[in-house]
């Protein structure tokens, strides 16, 4: 009887510990979830007006030079775009090759079927 009670107590303690761990979370996780729910970036330091906009502007309308991190981000995005285009073209090539192979296999199969031995003589006349 006492073994059953200790097991119940242990399971209750474990359940309470798990419950406490599930309910407690850091404020940064709550902030991240709050930002994602509202369509904002998860990290406020990765994009936005303060990050993407220039630090200053010329009064005569000249474009301001890109910041070092902006230039780096732009080059990284261009590299990602190149990689995506290359991967898509490889996938398209693989699909086309697969369909061509399937078509060639079907044609070979049809040729084999059409070139089988055919009945001759009276059997040929009866078949028609």
C-alpha atoms as a PDB file:
ATOM      1  CA  UNK A   1       0.000   0.000   0.000  1.00  0.00           C
ATOM      2  CA  UNK A   2       2.769   2.413   0.910  1.00  0.00           C
ATOM      3  CA  UNK A   3       4.525   1.679  -2.395  1.00  0.00           C
ATOM      4  CA  UNK A   4       1.389   2.680  -4.282  1.00  0.00           C
ATOM      5  CA  UNK A   5       1.123   5.920  -2.301  1.00  0.00           C
ATOM      6  CA  UNK A   6       4.759   6.802  -2.898  1.00  0.00           C
ATOM      7  CA  UNK A   7       4.319   6.162  -6.637  1.00  0.00           C
ATOM      8  CA  UNK A   8       1.255   8.407  -6.696  1.00  0.00           C
ATOM      9  CA  UNK A   9       3.110  11.118  -4.798  1.00  0.00           C
ATOM     10  CA  UNK A  10       6.079  10.798  -7.136  1.00  0.00           C
ATOM     11  CA  UNK A  11       3.885  11.047 -10.207  1.00  0.00           C
ATOM     12  CA  UNK A  12       2.133  14.081  -8.761  1.00  0.00           C
ATOM     13  CA  UNK A  13       5.488  15.743  -8.075  1.00  0.00           C
ATOM     14  CA  UNK A  14       6.641  15.014 -11.602  1.00  0.00           C
ATOM     15  CA  UNK A  15       3.394  16.351 -13.010  1.00  0.00           C
ATOM     16  CA  UNK A  16       3.728  19.509 -10.929  1.00  0.00           C
ATOM     17  CA  UNK A  17       7.338  19.961 -11.991  1.00  0.00           C
ATOM     18  CA  UNK A  18       6.428  19.507 -15.654  1.00  0.00           C
ATOM     19  CA  UNK A  19       3.529  21.906 -15.285  1.00  0.00           C
ATOM     20  CA  UNK A  20       5.744  24.528 -13.703  1.00  0.00           C
ATOM     21  CA  UNK A  21       8.323  24.161 -16.456  1.00  0.00           C
ATOM     22  CA  UNK A  22       5.717  24.454 -19.163  1.00  0.00           C
ATOM     23  CA  UNK A  23       4.189  27.569 -17.685  1.00  0.00           C
ATOM     24  CA  UNK A  24       7.419  29.416 -17.075  1.00  0.00           C
ATOM     25  CA  UNK A  25       9.120  30.987 -20.067  1.00  0.00           C
ATOM     26  CA  UNK A  26      11.415  33.873 -20.661  1.00  0.00           C
ATOM     27  CA  UNK A  27      10.124  37.289 -21.553  1.00  0.00           C
ATOM     28  CA  UNK A  28      12.130  37.264 -24.775  1.00  0.00           C
ATOM     29  CA  UNK A  29      10.167  34.232 -25.962  1.00  0.00           C
ATOM     30  CA  UNK A  30       6.919  36.035 -25.157  1.00  0.00           C
ATOM     31  CA  UNK A  31       8.138  39.132 -26.988  1.00  0.00           C
ATOM     32  CA  UNK A  32       9.172  37.052 -29.998  1.00  0.00           C
ATOM     33  CA  UNK A  33       5.767  35.363 -30.126  1.00  0.00           C
ATOM     34  CA  UNK A  34       4.010  38.724 -29.726  1.00  0.00           C
ATOM     35  CA  UNK A  35       6.020  40.196 -32.625  1.00  0.00           C
ATOM     36  CA  UNK A  36       5.358  37.193 -34.877  1.00  0.00           C
ATOM     37  CA  UNK A  37       1.612  37.320 -34.153  1.00  0.00           C
ATOM     38  CA  UNK A  38       1.517  40.925 -35.345  1.00  0.00           C
ATOM     39  CA  UNK A  39       3.493  40.271 -38.526  1.00  0.00           C
ATOM     40  CA  UNK A  40       6.671  41.916 -37.263  1.00  0.00           C
ATOM     41  CA  UNK A  41      10.142  40.376 -37.567  1.00  0.00           C
ATOM     42  CA  UNK A  42      11.112  38.075 -34.705  1.00  0.00           C
ATOM     43  CA  UNK A  43      14.252  40.076 -33.984  1.00  0.00           C
ATOM     44  CA  UNK A  44      13.786  43.828 -34.049  1.00  0.00           C
ATOM     45  CA  UNK A  45      17.448  44.372 -34.869  1.00  0.00           C
ATOM     46  CA  UNK A  46      17.425  42.505 -38.193  1.00  0.00           C
ATOM     47  CA  UNK A  47      15.145  44.736 -40.274  1.00  0.00           C
ATOM     48  CA  UNK A  48      13.038  47.831 -40.042  1.00  0.00           C
ATOM     49  CA  UNK A  49      13.241  51.580 -40.501  1.00  0.00           C
ATOM     50  CA  UNK A  50      16.213  52.035 -38.197  1.00  0.00           C
ATOM     51  CA  UNK A  51      18.169  49.298 -39.946  1.00  0.00           C
ATOM     52  CA  UNK A  52      17.198  49.760 -43.603  1.00  0.00           C
ATOM     53  CA  UNK A  53      16.974  53.554 -43.820  1.00  0.00           C
ATOM     54  CA  UNK A  54      20.115  55.657 -44.345  1.00  0.00           C
ATOM     55  CA  UNK A  55      21.666  57.499 -41.419  1.00  0.00           C
ATOM     56  CA  UNK A  56      21.508  60.835 -43.209  1.00  0.00           C
ATOM     57  CA  UNK A  57      20.302  62.422 -46.444  1.00  0.00           C
ATOM     58  CA  UNK A  58      21.728  65.148 -48.643  1.00  0.00           C
ATOM     59  CA  UNK A  59      19.619  68.285 -48.954  1.00  0.00           C
ATOM     60  CA  UNK A  60      20.282  68.566 -52.691  1.00  0.00           C
ATOM     61  CA  UNK A  61      18.714  65.116 -53.316  1.00  0.00           C
ATOM     62  CA  UNK A  62      21.854  63.092 -53.998  1.00  0.00           C
ATOM     63  CA  UNK A  63      21.507  59.454 -53.008  1.00  0.00           C
ATOM     64  CA  UNK A  64      23.303  58.539 -49.828  1.00  0.00           C
ATOM     65  CA  UNK A  65      25.910  55.797 -50.082  1.00  0.00           C
ATOM     66  CA  UNK A  66      24.976  52.408 -48.700  1.00  0.00           C
ATOM     67  CA  UNK A  67      26.202  51.501 -45.278  1.00  0.00           C
ATOM     68  CA  UNK A  68      28.635  48.644 -44.955  1.00  0.00           C
ATOM     69  CA  UNK A  69      26.071  46.237 -43.490  1.00  0.00           C
ATOM     70  CA  UNK A  70      23.443  47.301 -46.028  1.00  0.00           C
ATOM     71  CA  UNK A  71      25.872  46.534 -48.847  1.00  0.00           C
ATOM     72  CA  UNK A  72      26.754  43.208 -47.246  1.00  0.00           C
ATOM     73  CA  UNK A  73      23.060  42.326 -46.823  1.00  0.00           C
ATOM     74  CA  UNK A  74      22.329  43.301 -50.435  1.00  0.00           C
ATOM     75  CA  UNK A  75      25.169  41.116 -51.738  1.00  0.00           C
ATOM     76  CA  UNK A  76      24.013  38.224 -49.556  1.00  0.00           C
ATOM     77  CA  UNK A  77      20.455  38.547 -50.894  1.00  0.00           C
ATOM     78  CA  UNK A  78      21.756  38.621 -54.481  1.00  0.00           C
ATOM     79  CA  UNK A  79      23.779  35.480 -53.776  1.00  0.00           C
ATOM     80  CA  UNK A  80      20.672  33.780 -52.347  1.00  0.00           C
ATOM     81  CA  UNK A  81      18.717  34.765 -55.462  1.00  0.00           C
ATOM     82  CA  UNK A  82      21.436  33.318 -57.721  1.00  0.00           C
ATOM     83  CA  UNK A  83      21.454  30.065 -55.752  1.00  0.00           C
ATOM     84  CA  UNK A  84      17.657  29.814 -55.872  1.00  0.00           C
ATOM     85  CA  UNK A  85      17.594  30.366 -59.634  1.00  0.00           C
ATOM     86  CA  UNK A  86      20.353  27.784 -60.152  1.00  0.00           C
ATOM     87  CA  UNK A  87      18.540  25.218 -57.990  1.00  0.00           C
ATOM     88  CA  UNK A  88      15.234  25.813 -59.760  1.00  0.00           C
ATOM     89  CA  UNK A  89      16.874  25.364 -63.157  1.00  0.00           C
ATOM     90  CA  UNK A  90      18.466  22.106 -61.938  1.00  0.00           C
ATOM     91  CA  UNK A  91      15.080  20.874 -60.721  1.00  0.00           C
ATOM     92  CA  UNK A  92      13.461  21.777 -64.048  1.00  0.00           C
ATOM     93  CA  UNK A  93      16.242  19.955 -65.909  1.00  0.00           C
ATOM     94  CA  UNK A  94      15.806  16.881 -63.695  1.00  0.00           C
ATOM     95  CA  UNK A  95      12.036  16.879 -64.246  1.00  0.00           C
ATOM     96  CA  UNK A  96      12.436  17.194 -68.010  1.00  0.00           C
ATOM     97  CA  UNK A  97      15.050  14.420 -68.054  1.00  0.00           C
ATOM     98  CA  UNK A  98      12.797  12.164 -65.992  1.00  0.00           C
ATOM     99  CA  UNK A  99       9.851  12.698 -68.340  1.00  0.00           C
ATOM    100  CA  UNK A 100      12.075  12.154 -71.388  1.00  0.00           C
ATOM    101  CA  UNK A 101      13.390   8.902 -69.897  1.00  0.00           C
ATOM    102  CA  UNK A 102       9.847   7.747 -69.123  1.00  0.00           C
ATOM    103  CA  UNK A 103       8.735   8.601 -72.674  1.00  0.00           C
ATOM    104  CA  UNK A 104      11.740   6.764 -74.175  1.00  0.00           C
ATOM    105  CA  UNK A 105      11.033   3.705 -72.018  1.00  0.00           C
ATOM    106  CA  UNK A 106       7.381   3.738 -73.116  1.00  0.00           C
ATOM    107  CA  UNK A 107       8.417   4.022 -76.777  1.00  0.00           C
ATOM    108  CA  UNK A 108      10.861   1.121 -76.366  1.00  0.00           C
ATOM    109  CA  UNK A 109       8.124  -0.958 -74.767  1.00  0.00           C
ATOM    110  CA  UNK A 110       5.710  -0.135 -77.588  1.00  0.00           C
ATOM    111  CA  UNK A 111       8.363  -0.987 -80.206  1.00  0.00           C
ATOM    112  CA  UNK A 112       9.007  -4.339 -78.546  1.00  0.00           C
ATOM    113  CA  UNK A 113       5.284  -5.089 -78.462  1.00  0.00           C
ATOM    114  CA  UNK A 114       4.836  -4.054 -82.113  1.00  0.00           C
ATOM    115  CA  UNK A 115       7.841  -6.075 -83.324  1.00  0.00           C
ATOM    116  CA  UNK A 116       6.795  -9.381 -81.794  1.00  0.00           C
ATOM    117  CA  UNK A 117       6.311 -12.392 -84.001  1.00  0.00           C
ATOM    118  CA  UNK A 118       3.109 -12.047 -85.936  1.00  0.00           C
ATOM    119  CA  UNK A 119       0.824 -14.815 -87.151  1.00  0.00           C
ATOM    120  CA  UNK A 120       1.198 -15.845 -90.773  1.00  0.00           C
ATOM    121  CA  UNK A 121      -0.984 -17.555 -93.312  1.00  0.00           C
ATOM    122  CA  UNK A 122      -4.468 -18.615 -92.303  1.00  0.00           C
ATOM    123  CA  UNK A 123      -4.015 -17.391 -88.712  1.00  0.00           C
ATOM    124  CA  UNK A 124      -3.368 -13.876 -90.014  1.00  0.00           C
ATOM    125  CA  UNK A 125      -6.518 -13.955 -92.118  1.00  0.00           C
ATOM    126  CA  UNK A 126      -8.614 -15.269 -89.224  1.00  0.00           C
ATOM    127  CA  UNK A 127      -7.325 -12.546 -86.905  1.00  0.00           C
ATOM    128  CA  UNK A 128      -8.636  -9.739 -89.118  1.00  0.00           C
END
